[in-house]
Structures are given as C-alpha cells and as structure tokens.
C-alpha atoms as a PDB file:
ATOM      1  CA  MET A   1     -23.193 -23.155  17.403  1.00  0.00           C
ATOM      2  CA  LEU A   2     -19.634 -22.466  18.439  1.00  0.00           C
ATOM      3  CA  LEU A   3     -17.912 -21.804  22.263  1.00  0.00           C
ATOM      4  CA  LYS A   4     -16.323 -19.219  23.340  1.00  0.00           C
ATOM      5  CA  SER A   5     -12.982 -21.453  23.225  1.00  0.00           C
ATOM      6  CA  GLN A   6     -13.311 -21.404  19.477  1.00  0.00           C
ATOM      7  CA  LEU A   7     -14.377 -18.774  19.167  1.00  0.00           C
ATOM      8  CA  LYS A   8     -11.189 -17.109  20.701  1.00  0.00           C
ATOM      9  CA  LEU A   9      -8.999 -19.941  18.840  1.00  0.00           C
ATOM     10  CA  LEU A  10     -10.161 -18.292  15.336  1.00  0.00           C
ATOM     11  CA  LYS A  11      -9.717 -15.240  16.213  1.00  0.00           C
ATOM     12  CA  GLN A  12      -5.903 -16.327  17.253  1.00  0.00           C
ATOM     13  CA  ASN A  13      -5.558 -18.044  13.725  1.00  0.00           C
ATOM     14  CA  SER A  14      -7.091 -14.698  11.447  1.00  0.00           C
ATOM     15  CA  MET A  15      -5.691 -14.503   8.684  1.00  0.00           C
ATOM     16  CA  LYS A  16      -2.052 -12.907   7.596  1.00  0.00           C
ATOM     17  CA  ILE A  17      -2.082 -10.487   5.146  1.00  0.00           C
ATOM     18  CA  ASP A  18       1.272  -8.235   4.201  1.00  0.00           C
ATOM     19  CA  VAL A  19      -0.351  -5.483   1.722  1.00  0.00           C
ATOM     20  CA  HIS A  20       2.659  -3.604   1.119  1.00  0.00           C
ATOM     21  CA  VAL A  21       5.456  -5.544  -1.224  1.00  0.00           C
ATOM     22  CA  HIS A  22       7.434  -4.168  -4.121  1.00  0.00           C
ATOM     23  CA  ILE A  23       7.986  -7.109  -6.726  1.00  0.00           C
ATOM     24  CA  THR A  24      10.567  -6.619  -9.808  1.00  0.00           C
ATOM     25  CA  PRO A  25      10.486  -8.471 -13.505  1.00  0.00           C
ATOM     26  CA  PRO A  26      14.482  -9.569 -13.421  1.00  0.00           C
ATOM     27  CA  ASP A  27      15.387  -8.126 -16.970  1.00  0.00           C
ATOM     28  CA  ILE A  28      14.249  -4.583 -15.041  1.00  0.00           C
ATOM     29  CA  ALA A  29      16.656  -5.667 -12.134  1.00  0.00           C
ATOM     30  CA  LYS A  30      19.044  -6.536 -14.176  1.00  0.00           C
ATOM     31  CA  ASP A  31      19.160  -2.967 -16.601  1.00  0.00           C
ATOM     32  CA  TYR A  32      18.047  -0.739 -13.384  1.00  0.00           C
ATOM     33  CA  LYS A  33      20.772   1.429 -13.849  1.00  0.00           C
ATOM     34  CA  LYS A  34      19.980   2.076 -17.771  1.00  0.00           C
ATOM     35  CA  ILE A  35      16.029   2.350 -17.187  1.00  0.00           C
ATOM     36  CA  GLY A  36      16.790   5.009 -14.383  1.00  0.00           C
ATOM     37  CA  GLU A  37      18.708   7.180 -16.906  1.00  0.00           C
ATOM     38  CA  LYS A  38      14.803   7.767 -18.265  1.00  0.00           C
ATOM     39  CA  GLU A  39      13.434   7.374 -14.646  1.00  0.00           C
ATOM     40  CA  PRO A  40      15.115   9.928 -12.234  1.00  0.00           C
ATOM     41  CA  TYR A  41      12.908   8.561  -9.205  1.00  0.00           C
ATOM     42  CA  PHE A  42      13.635   5.235  -9.676  1.00  0.00           C
ATOM     43  CA  ALA A  43      17.635   5.888  -9.894  1.00  0.00           C
ATOM     44  CA  MET A  44      17.065   7.763  -6.546  1.00  0.00           C
ATOM     45  CA  LEU A  45      15.672   4.513  -4.946  1.00  0.00           C
ATOM     46  CA  SER A  46      17.729   1.523  -7.094  1.00  0.00           C
ATOM     47  CA  ASN A  47      20.905   3.313  -6.380  1.00  0.00           C
ATOM     48  CA  SER A  48      20.103   3.522  -2.670  1.00  0.00           C
ATOM     49  CA  PRO A  49      22.311   1.480  -0.591  1.00  0.00           C
ATOM     50  CA  GLN A  50      18.930  -0.499   1.356  1.00  0.00           C
ATOM     51  CA  ASN A  51      17.472  -1.254  -2.007  1.00  0.00           C
ATOM     52  CA  LYS A  52      16.706  -5.033  -2.781  1.00  0.00           C
ATOM     53  CA  PHE A  53      14.689  -6.731  -5.966  1.00  0.00           C
ATOM     54  CA  ALA A  54      12.176  -9.642  -5.433  1.00  0.00           C
ATOM     55  CA  THR A  55      10.548 -11.362  -7.902  1.00  0.00           C
ATOM     56  CA  ALA A  56       7.311 -13.396  -6.437  1.00  0.00           C
ATOM     57  CA  GLU A  57       9.557 -16.523  -5.608  1.00  0.00           C
ATOM     58  CA  ASP A  58      11.515 -14.137  -3.080  1.00  0.00           C
ATOM     59  CA  VAL A  59       7.909 -13.021  -1.406  1.00  0.00           C
ATOM     60  CA  VAL A  60       6.649 -16.362  -0.667  1.00  0.00           C
ATOM     61  CA  ALA A  61       9.404 -18.061   0.320  1.00  0.00           C
ATOM     62  CA  GLU A  62       9.832 -15.196   2.529  1.00  0.00           C
ATOM     63  CA  MET A  63       5.737 -15.271   3.586  1.00  0.00           C
ATOM     64  CA  ASP A  64       6.241 -18.942   4.350  1.00  0.00           C
ATOM     65  CA  VAL A  65       9.393 -18.460   6.953  1.00  0.00           C
ATOM     66  CA  CYS A  66       7.112 -15.875   7.911  1.00  0.00           C
ATOM     67  CA  GLY A  67       3.890 -16.579   8.726  1.00  0.00           C
ATOM     68  CA  PHE A  68       1.880 -14.719   6.269  1.00  0.00           C
ATOM     69  CA  ASP A  69      -0.894 -16.290   4.084  1.00  0.00           C
ATOM     70  CA  LYS A  70      -1.388 -13.923   1.580  1.00  0.00           C
ATOM     71  CA  SER A  71       0.738 -10.712   0.358  1.00  0.00           C
ATOM     72  CA  VAL A  72      -0.123  -7.685  -2.265  1.00  0.00           C
ATOM     73  CA  VAL A  73       2.333  -7.508  -4.473  1.00  0.00           C
ATOM     74  CA  PHE A  74       3.154  -4.489  -6.976  1.00  0.00           C
ATOM     75  CA  GLY A  75       5.463  -2.999  -9.686  1.00  0.00           C
ATOM     76  CA  PHE A  76       7.260   0.254  -9.530  1.00  0.00           C
ATOM     77  CA  GLY A  77       5.353   2.996 -10.351  1.00  0.00           C
ATOM     78  CA  PHE A  78       7.328   4.552 -13.343  1.00  0.00           C
ATOM     79  CA  LYS A  79       6.580   7.939 -14.961  1.00  0.00           C
ATOM     80  CA  ASP A  80       6.587   5.491 -18.450  1.00  0.00           C
ATOM     81  CA  ILE A  81       2.986   3.974 -19.248  1.00  0.00           C
ATOM     82  CA  GLY A  82       4.964   1.420 -21.013  1.00  0.00           C
ATOM     83  CA  LEU A  83       6.905   0.400 -18.300  1.00  0.00           C
ATOM     84  CA  CYS A  84       4.144   0.121 -16.338  1.00  0.00           C
ATOM     85  CA  ARG A  85       2.113  -1.810 -18.655  1.00  0.00           C
ATOM     86  CA  TYR A  86       4.955  -4.409 -18.338  1.00  0.00           C
ATOM     87  CA  VAL A  87       5.119  -4.479 -14.813  1.00  0.00           C
ATOM     88  CA  ASN A  88       1.225  -5.235 -14.480  1.00  0.00           C
ATOM     89  CA  ASP A  89       1.911  -7.514 -16.973  1.00  0.00           C
ATOM     90  CA  TYR A  90       4.939  -9.368 -14.682  1.00  0.00           C
ATOM     91  CA  VAL A  91       2.373  -8.785 -11.618  1.00  0.00           C
ATOM     92  CA  ALA A  92      -0.323 -10.397 -13.655  1.00  0.00           C
ATOM     93  CA  GLU A  93       1.741 -13.376 -13.949  1.00  0.00           C
ATOM     94  CA  CYS A  94       3.031 -13.784 -11.053  1.00  0.00           C
ATOM     95  CA  VAL A  95      -0.488 -13.585  -9.134  1.00  0.00           C
ATOM     96  CA  SER A  96      -1.746 -16.395 -11.697  1.00  0.00           C
ATOM     97  CA  LYS A  97       0.468 -18.459 -10.829  1.00  0.00           C
ATOM     98  CA  TYR A  98       0.067 -18.143  -6.858  1.00  0.00           C
ATOM     99  CA  PRO A  99      -2.758 -17.521  -6.885  1.00  0.00           C
ATOM    100  CA  ASP A 100      -3.654 -18.637  -3.477  1.00  0.00           C
ATOM    101  CA  ARG A 101      -0.980 -16.582  -1.770  1.00  0.00           C
ATOM    102  CA  LEU A 102      -0.674 -12.922  -3.908  1.00  0.00           C
ATOM    103  CA  ILE A 103      -3.338 -10.085  -4.663  1.00  0.00           C
ATOM    104  CA  GLY A 104      -1.944  -7.921  -7.503  1.00  0.00           C
ATOM    105  CA  PHE A 105      -1.687  -4.070  -7.565  1.00  0.00           C
ATOM    106  CA  LEU A 106      -1.582  -2.254 -10.970  1.00  0.00           C
ATOM    107  CA  THR A 107       0.515   0.851 -11.308  1.00  0.00           C
ATOM    108  CA  VAL A 108      -0.455   3.716 -13.993  1.00  0.00           C
ATOM    109  CA  PRO A 109       0.818   7.445 -13.954  1.00  0.00           C
ATOM    110  CA  PRO A 110      -2.673   8.611 -13.274  1.00  0.00           C
ATOM    111  CA  THR A 111      -2.574  11.795 -15.208  1.00  0.00           C
ATOM    112  CA  ALA A 112      -1.008   9.410 -18.596  1.00  0.00           C
ATOM    113  CA  SER A 113      -2.885   9.302 -21.940  1.00  0.00           C
ATOM    114  CA  GLY A 114      -4.842   5.732 -22.332  1.00  0.00           C
ATOM    115  CA  VAL A 115      -4.563   5.654 -18.440  1.00  0.00           C
ATOM    116  CA  GLU A 116      -8.503   3.965 -18.121  1.00  0.00           C
ATOM    117  CA  CYS A 117      -7.395   1.401 -21.201  1.00  0.00           C
ATOM    118  CA  GLU A 118      -4.677   0.007 -18.633  1.00  0.00           C
ATOM    119  CA  ILE A 119      -6.654  -0.160 -16.183  1.00  0.00           C
ATOM    120  CA  LEU A 120      -9.084  -1.757 -17.377  1.00  0.00           C
ATOM    121  CA  ARG A 121      -6.866  -3.772 -19.331  1.00  0.00           C
ATOM    122  CA  SER A 122      -5.489  -4.739 -16.157  1.00  0.00           C
ATOM    123  CA  VAL A 123      -7.707  -5.971 -13.823  1.00  0.00           C
ATOM    124  CA  GLU A 124      -8.804  -8.233 -16.833  1.00  0.00           C
ATOM    125  CA  ASN A 125      -5.612  -9.658 -16.005  1.00  0.00           C
ATOM    126  CA  GLY A 126      -6.689 -10.028 -12.774  1.00  0.00           C
ATOM    127  CA  LEU A 127      -5.189  -7.099 -10.976  1.00  0.00           C
ATOM    128  CA  LYS A 128      -7.647  -5.919  -7.893  1.00  0.00           C
ATOM    129  CA  GLY A 129      -6.078  -2.653  -7.129  1.00  0.00           C
ATOM    130  CA  VAL A 130      -3.892   0.465  -7.816  1.00  0.00           C
ATOM    131  CA  GLY A 131      -0.324   1.172  -6.111  1.00  0.00           C
ATOM    132  CA  GLU A 132       2.401   2.097  -4.837  1.00  0.00           C
ATOM    133  CA  LEU A 133       1.711   5.330  -6.530  1.00  0.00           C
ATOM    134  CA  PHE A 134       4.567   8.261  -6.507  1.00  0.00           C
ATOM    135  CA  ALA A 135       2.818  11.632  -6.728  1.00  0.00           C
ATOM    136  CA  GLU A 136       6.480  13.373  -7.097  1.00  0.00           C
ATOM    137  CA  GLY A 137       8.005  10.515  -8.881  1.00  0.00           C
ATOM    138  CA  GLN A 138       5.540   9.992 -11.532  1.00  0.00           C
ATOM    139  CA  GLN A 139       5.313  13.772 -11.741  1.00  0.00           C
ATOM    140  CA  PHE A 140       1.383  13.960 -10.875  1.00  0.00           C
ATOM    141  CA  ASP A 141      -0.695  16.714  -8.649  1.00  0.00           C
ATOM    142  CA  ILE A 142      -2.991  14.661  -5.961  1.00  0.00           C
ATOM    143  CA  ALA A 143      -4.936  18.010  -5.419  1.00  0.00           C
ATOM    144  CA  ASP A 144      -5.116  18.490  -9.443  1.00  0.00           C
ATOM    145  CA  THR A 145      -9.273  17.914  -9.551  1.00  0.00           C
ATOM    146  CA  LYS A 146      -9.463  17.876 -13.111  1.00  0.00           C
ATOM    147  CA  GLY A 147      -6.476  16.199 -13.804  1.00  0.00           C
ATOM    148  CA  MET A 148      -6.783  13.287 -11.499  1.00  0.00           C
ATOM    149  CA  ALA A 149     -10.803  12.591 -12.080  1.00  0.00           C
ATOM    150  CA  SER A 150     -10.417  10.006 -15.288  1.00  0.00           C
ATOM    151  CA  PHE A 151      -8.432   8.058 -13.128  1.00  0.00           C
ATOM    152  CA  CYS A 152     -10.435   8.572  -9.848  1.00  0.00           C
ATOM    153  CA  ARG A 153     -13.879   7.729 -11.464  1.00  0.00           C
ATOM    154  CA  ILE A 154     -12.597   4.577 -13.303  1.00  0.00           C
ATOM    155  CA  CYS A 155     -10.910   3.500  -9.593  1.00  0.00           C
ATOM    156  CA  SER A 156     -14.371   4.747  -7.852  1.00  0.00           C
ATOM    157  CA  GLU A 157     -16.241   2.562 -10.556  1.00  0.00           C
ATOM    158  CA  LEU A 158     -14.246  -0.364 -10.283  1.00  0.00           C
ATOM    159  CA  SER A 159     -13.478  -0.498  -6.094  1.00  0.00           C
ATOM    160  CA  LEU A 160     -10.081  -0.320  -6.535  1.00  0.00           C
ATOM    161  CA  PRO A 161      -7.822   0.420  -3.424  1.00  0.00           C
ATOM    162  CA  VAL A 162      -5.544   3.360  -4.140  1.00  0.00           C
ATOM    163  CA  MET A 163      -2.249   2.761  -2.471  1.00  0.00           C
ATOM    164  CA  LEU A 164      -0.602   6.524  -2.291  1.00  0.00           C
ATOM    165  CA  HIS A 165       2.912   6.680  -1.262  1.00  0.00           C
ATOM    166  CA  ALA A 166       3.001   9.678   1.592  1.00  0.00           C
ATOM    167  CA  ASN A 167       5.759  10.444   4.181  1.00  0.00           C
ATOM    168  CA  GLU A 168       6.552  12.275   7.305  1.00  0.00           C
ATOM    169  CA  GLN A 169       6.881  16.510   6.557  1.00  0.00           C
ATOM    170  CA  ILE A 170       9.302  16.878   9.201  1.00  0.00           C
ATOM    171  CA  GLY A 171      12.783  14.530  10.401  1.00  0.00           C
ATOM    172  CA  HIS A 172      15.480  13.222   8.317  1.00  0.00           C
ATOM    173  CA  TYR A 173      16.197  13.051   4.911  1.00  0.00           C
ATOM    174  CA  TYR A 174      16.362   9.460   3.063  1.00  0.00           C
ATOM    175  CA  PRO A 175      15.999   8.381  -0.475  1.00  0.00           C
ATOM    176  CA  GLY A 176      12.301   8.345  -1.423  1.00  0.00           C
ATOM    177  CA  LYS A 177      11.209  11.612   1.080  1.00  0.00           C
ATOM    178  CA  VAL A 178       9.170  14.132  -0.914  1.00  0.00           C
ATOM    179  CA  ASN A 179       7.556  17.239  -0.504  1.00  0.00           C
ATOM    180  CA  LEU A 180       3.645  15.740  -0.769  1.00  0.00           C
ATOM    181  CA  ALA A 181       1.905  18.357   1.368  1.00  0.00           C
ATOM    182  CA  PHE A 182      -1.060  16.946   4.136  1.00  0.00           C
ATOM    183  CA  SER A 183      -3.067  19.949   2.908  1.00  0.00           C
ATOM    184  CA  ASP A 184      -2.832  18.117  -0.462  1.00  0.00           C
ATOM    185  CA  ILE A 185      -3.810  15.099   0.551  1.00  0.00           C
ATOM    186  CA  GLU A 186      -6.590  16.062   2.069  1.00  0.00           C
ATOM    187  CA  ILE A 187      -7.988  17.550  -0.531  1.00  0.00           C
ATOM    188  CA  PHE A 188      -6.834  14.218  -2.501  1.00  0.00           C
ATOM    189  CA  VAL A 189      -9.379  12.745  -0.042  1.00  0.00           C
ATOM    190  CA  ARG A 190     -12.080  15.497  -0.005  1.00  0.00           C
ATOM    191  CA  ASN A 191     -12.752  15.086  -3.767  1.00  0.00           C
ATOM    192  CA  ASN A 192     -13.010  11.522  -3.637  1.00  0.00           C
ATOM    193  CA  PRO A 193     -15.426  10.006  -1.215  1.00  0.00           C
ATOM    194  CA  GLY A 194     -16.452   7.380  -3.296  1.00  0.00           C
ATOM    195  CA  LEU A 195     -12.453   6.216  -3.693  1.00  0.00           C
ATOM    196  CA  LYS A 196     -10.960   3.843  -0.818  1.00  0.00           C
ATOM    197  CA  ILE A 197      -7.522   4.956  -0.357  1.00  0.00           C
ATOM    198  CA  ILE A 198      -4.635   3.289   1.763  1.00  0.00           C
ATOM    199  CA  LEU A 199      -2.038   6.000   2.554  1.00  0.00           C
ATOM    200  CA  ALA A 200       1.338   4.124   3.057  1.00  0.00           C
ATOM    201  CA  HIS A 201       3.799   4.797   5.930  1.00  0.00           C
ATOM    202  CA  PHE A 202       1.318   5.644   8.367  1.00  0.00           C
ATOM    203  CA  GLY A 203       0.507   8.399   5.721  1.00  0.00           C
ATOM    204  CA  GLY A 204       3.443  10.251   6.640  1.00  0.00           C
ATOM    205  CA  GLY A 205       1.937  10.837   9.995  1.00  0.00           C
ATOM    206  CA  ILE A 206      -1.651  12.792   9.050  1.00  0.00           C
ATOM    207  CA  LEU A 207      -3.269   9.721  10.661  1.00  0.00           C
ATOM    208  CA  PHE A 208      -2.957  11.319  13.866  1.00  0.00           C
ATOM    209  CA  TYR A 209      -5.244  14.291  12.242  1.00  0.00           C
ATOM    210  CA  GLU A 210      -8.166  11.728  12.276  1.00  0.00           C
ATOM    211  CA  LEU A 211      -8.221  13.318  16.387  1.00  0.00           C
ATOM    212  CA  MET A 212      -9.894  16.108  14.520  1.00  0.00           C
ATOM    213  CA  LYS A 213     -13.543  15.904  13.597  1.00  0.00           C
ATOM    214  CA  GLU A 214     -13.646  17.175  10.246  1.00  0.00           C
ATOM    215  CA  ILE A 215     -11.161  14.777   9.561  1.00  0.00           C
ATOM    216  CA  ARG A 216     -12.677  11.645  10.912  1.00  0.00           C
ATOM    217  CA  LYS A 217     -15.269  12.449   9.116  1.00  0.00           C
ATOM    218  CA  SER A 218     -13.624  13.027   5.552  1.00  0.00           C
ATOM    219  CA  PHE A 219     -10.901  10.015   6.217  1.00  0.00           C
ATOM    220  CA  LYS A 220     -13.809   7.697   6.474  1.00  0.00           C
ATOM    221  CA  ASN A 221     -12.858   6.036   3.353  1.00  0.00           C
ATOM    222  CA  VAL A 222      -8.908   6.249   4.267  1.00  0.00           C
ATOM    223  CA  TYR A 223      -6.565   3.638   5.489  1.00  0.00           C
ATOM    224  CA  TYR A 224      -2.910   3.402   5.999  1.00  0.00           C
ATOM    225  CA  ASP A 225      -0.406   0.707   6.027  1.00  0.00           C
ATOM    226  CA  THR A 226       2.816   0.291   8.683  1.00  0.00           C
ATOM    227  CA  SER A 227       5.545  -0.014   6.311  1.00  0.00           C
ATOM    228  CA  ALA A 228       9.109   1.362   6.862  1.00  0.00           C
ATOM    229  CA  MET A 229       7.923   1.236  10.800  1.00  0.00           C
ATOM    230  CA  PRO A 230      10.715   0.252  12.328  1.00  0.00           C
ATOM    231  CA  PHE A 231      12.915   3.008  10.571  1.00  0.00           C
ATOM    232  CA  LEU A 232      10.833   5.985  11.580  1.00  0.00           C
ATOM    233  CA  TYR A 233       8.641   5.181  14.593  1.00  0.00           C
ATOM    234  CA  GLY A 234       8.894   3.332  18.017  1.00  0.00           C
ATOM    235  CA  SER A 235       6.910   0.691  18.728  1.00  0.00           C
ATOM    236  CA  GLU A 236       4.243   2.767  21.020  1.00  0.00           C
ATOM    237  CA  ILE A 237       2.527   4.139  17.882  1.00  0.00           C
ATOM    238  CA  TYR A 238       0.442   0.804  18.035  1.00  0.00           C
ATOM    239  CA  LYS A 239      -0.916   1.813  21.424  1.00  0.00           C
ATOM    240  CA  VAL A 240      -1.399   5.747  20.078  1.00  0.00           C
ATOM    241  CA  ILE A 241      -3.466   4.581  16.980  1.00  0.00           C
ATOM    242  CA  GLU A 242      -5.983   2.101  19.165  1.00  0.00           C
ATOM    243  CA  ASN A 243      -6.118   5.266  21.391  1.00  0.00           C
ATOM    244  CA  ILE A 244      -7.254   7.562  19.032  1.00  0.00           C
ATOM    245  CA  GLY A 245      -9.681   4.822  17.771  1.00  0.00           C
ATOM    246  CA  ILE A 246      -8.277   3.553  14.621  1.00  0.00           C
ATOM    247  CA  ALA A 247      -6.402   0.904  15.018  1.00  0.00           C
ATOM    248  CA  ASP A 248      -9.772  -0.537  12.178  1.00  0.00           C
ATOM    249  CA  LYS A 249      -8.274   1.318   9.520  1.00  0.00           C
ATOM    250  CA  LEU A 250      -4.375   0.130   9.581  1.00  0.00           C
ATOM    251  CA  LEU A 251      -3.064  -2.457   7.501  1.00  0.00           C
ATOM    252  CA  PHE A 252      -0.176  -4.251   7.947  1.00  0.00           C
ATOM    253  CA  GLY A 253       2.669  -3.373   5.360  1.00  0.00           C
ATOM    254  CA  SER A 254       5.782  -4.605   5.280  1.00  0.00           C
ATOM    255  CA  ASP A 255       7.859  -2.839   2.549  1.00  0.00           C
ATOM    256  CA  PHE A 256       8.978  -5.962   1.593  1.00  0.00           C
ATOM    257  CA  PRO A 257      12.091  -6.200   0.246  1.00  0.00           C
ATOM    258  CA  LEU A 258      13.447  -3.268   1.838  1.00  0.00           C
ATOM    259  CA  LEU A 259      12.046  -5.037   5.160  1.00  0.00           C
ATOM    260  CA  SER A 260      11.053  -8.779   6.256  1.00  0.00           C
ATOM    261  CA  PRO A 261       7.818  -8.455   8.338  1.00  0.00           C
ATOM    262  CA  VAL A 262      10.054 -10.495  11.024  1.00  0.00           C
ATOM    263  CA  ARG A 263      11.211  -6.600  11.901  1.00  0.00           C
ATOM    264  CA  TYR A 264       7.594  -5.863  12.493  1.00  0.00           C
ATOM    265  CA  GLU A 265       7.131  -8.446  14.999  1.00  0.00           C
ATOM    266  CA  LYS A 266       8.411  -7.888  18.144  1.00  0.00           C
ATOM    267  CA  GLY A 267       7.351  -4.082  18.062  1.00  0.00           C
ATOM    268  CA  LEU A 268       4.032  -5.711  17.075  1.00  0.00           C
ATOM    269  CA  LYS A 269       3.969  -7.605  20.305  1.00  0.00           C
ATOM    270  CA  THR A 270       5.690  -5.163  22.661  1.00  0.00           C
ATOM    271  CA  SER A 271       3.031  -2.452  22.057  1.00  0.00           C
ATOM    272  CA  GLY A 272       0.631  -2.655  24.592  1.00  0.00           C
ATOM    273  CA  ILE A 273      -2.363  -3.085  21.944  1.00  0.00           C
ATOM    274  CA  SER A 274      -5.167  -5.468  22.532  1.00  0.00           C
ATOM    275  CA  ARG A 275      -4.706  -8.887  20.741  1.00  0.00           C
ATOM    276  CA  GLU A 276      -8.354  -8.080  18.582  1.00  0.00           C
ATOM    277  CA  ALA A 277      -5.895  -4.515  17.437  1.00  0.00           C
ATOM    278  CA  GLU A 278      -3.284  -7.057  16.416  1.00  0.00           C
ATOM    279  CA  ASN A 279      -5.696  -9.439  14.571  1.00  0.00           C
ATOM    280  CA  MET A 280      -7.338  -6.597  12.950  1.00  0.00           C
ATOM    281  CA  ILE A 281      -3.885  -4.669  11.425  1.00  0.00           C
ATOM    282  CA  LEU A 282      -2.520  -8.568  10.554  1.00  0.00           C
ATOM    283  CA  GLY A 283      -5.444  -8.807   8.388  1.00  0.00           C
ATOM    284  CA  GLU A 284      -8.474  -8.320   9.142  1.00  0.00           C
ATOM    285  CA  ASN A 285      -8.761  -4.598   8.299  1.00  0.00           C
ATOM    286  CA  PHE A 286      -7.612  -5.853   4.802  1.00  0.00           C
ATOM    287  CA  GLU A 287      -9.923  -8.547   4.087  1.00  0.00           C
ATOM    288  CA  ARG A 288     -12.706  -5.928   5.469  1.00  0.00           C
ATOM    289  CA  LEU A 289     -11.507  -3.099   2.959  1.00  0.00           C
ATOM    290  CA  PHE A 290     -10.922  -5.296   0.237  1.00  0.00           C
ATOM    291  CA  ASN A 291     -14.714  -7.297  -0.100  1.00  0.00           C
ATOM    292  CA  HIS A 292     -16.306  -3.963   0.692  1.00  0.00           C
ATOM    293  CA  PRO A 293     -18.192  -1.955  -1.607  1.00  0.00           C
ATOM    294  CA  ASN A 294     -16.899   1.975  -2.251  1.00  0.00           C
ATOM    295  CA  PRO A 295     -18.265   3.752   0.826  1.00  0.00           C
ATOM    296  CA  GLU A 296     -20.546   5.722  -1.640  1.00  0.00           C
ATOM    297  CA  HIS A 297     -21.675   3.135  -4.157  1.00  0.00           C
END
C-alpha cells in the first residue's frame, strides 16, 4: 500500500500531455504559397506574420525543453481530401518514428467523398483521433445532420476523439477567426451524444454556458483545450473554469509552433487553481478521455 507521501509525489509527477500541436511535411512548408492558391483558408493562416511551420523533430525538441511527455500532433485540415491524405501519411510516419512521444490525429474534410475510407486507412496506420477540423476553411456545416452523419458515425464507432476549431464570438479579428455560431456547435453536440468532442481554444468561450443545466447535461461528452490562451484570456480563466466545476474537461493545448508550452506556464502557476486541477489539465483529463469508451457505447 502506498503511503500518503508517495501518492502525493505521484500526483506531482503526472504525465504532461500537449493535445494541440501542428506538424507540416517539409515540402508543404516549402511550397505553402503555391498550395495556398487552391486552399484559401490555408493561405490566410500561412501568410500571417505569426505563422510558423514545425516538423516532428521540432516538436520533440520543444517537448524536451518544456518537460512534456507526449504531444498530440496533426497536419493541416485542408478542404482537398488528397492533401489531407498526404499529411495523414506524414503524421503516421512521425508517430512510428517517435511512438513514445507522439500521438497522431488524422484530418479529413468531413463531408467529402471517400471520407470513411480515409479514416479507416489512417486508423490502420496508427492514428488515434481526428482534428483539428475547420468548418469554414474545409467548407462543411457542423449543424447539417445529414451531411455529417457518415463522418460522425464512423468516428463514434471507432471511439475517435474529434477536435473542432472554435473561437470567441466577439473581440478583435485575427487570421483564423471565423463565424462559427455557438448555436451550430450546440446542434452538433446534441446530434452526436456518442462522439467524444474536443473544442479548441476554450470552445471560443462556449464552455461558460456549462453553467446552464441543460448545456452541462448535453455537453457531457465535450472537452476543451487551452490553445492560444495567452492571446485571448487572462490567467483568471483557469480559476473560473475550476469554480464552474469543469476543470476535469479542460485539456492543455499549446497550438505549437504558434506558441510554446512555456508561454502557458506562468498563467497556470499564478491562476490560483488547485494542484489537483492543474494535474488534470496537464494530462490526466486527456488520459481519461483517450482511454474511456464513447459516452453511449
């Protein structure tokens, strides 16, 4: 039996997992302007002064510097399923090279022809989830029950977490800020109670609506990540989330290479959240999400 002091030490040394990391095949990074000619959303983001590209080697090196054990990595969510297939192969190759450090997600345009085949193929190649998906950039409607049905069904059956880009409804504009209504997100969540969903960037703030009893109930399968937090919120947001009672649904995500995980460290340390909540955010919540069956399965 473990002593209390040993249990405390184990808690302090919980695994640290970054769930939101972008990697890009070197040839796509090199030819990003040419690719952007047919992918307007990719062009908008890649032409931003803040944009950076990273390889798997860059990610592992950054993890070593920042003390992270694992990262969830994915390529860009193109509207062309052929480009998605290409980056999925790159992600699978990177995961096979660093199996103890990287967890790979695949990306697809959810309503494209052949989406089920690409999901199955990527899962067979070792990828474990889907994302980050961009409704506007990939030109799909998350509130379209019929159009999203096939994609959602297979992701649910395979117990694949699905990460969706979301952003706040007000405030300053920045490249990638889109008009994805909270009402559409709610419809998507309500339509898919058996799907594990991760809403990036604090869900754009929709997580605050979990104070509503009906939203708390219907969003039982929804998680949120912290990506881009230093650009958007004060560190008090962590304590607010703990007070709401959903610290067990928040996942650490850096949005690397846009931001390094170290940019989040001070905010977490000075936020006033409990050590227990900090450990949950830094890794325990994702381990539970990743290893738990789908809500209705």
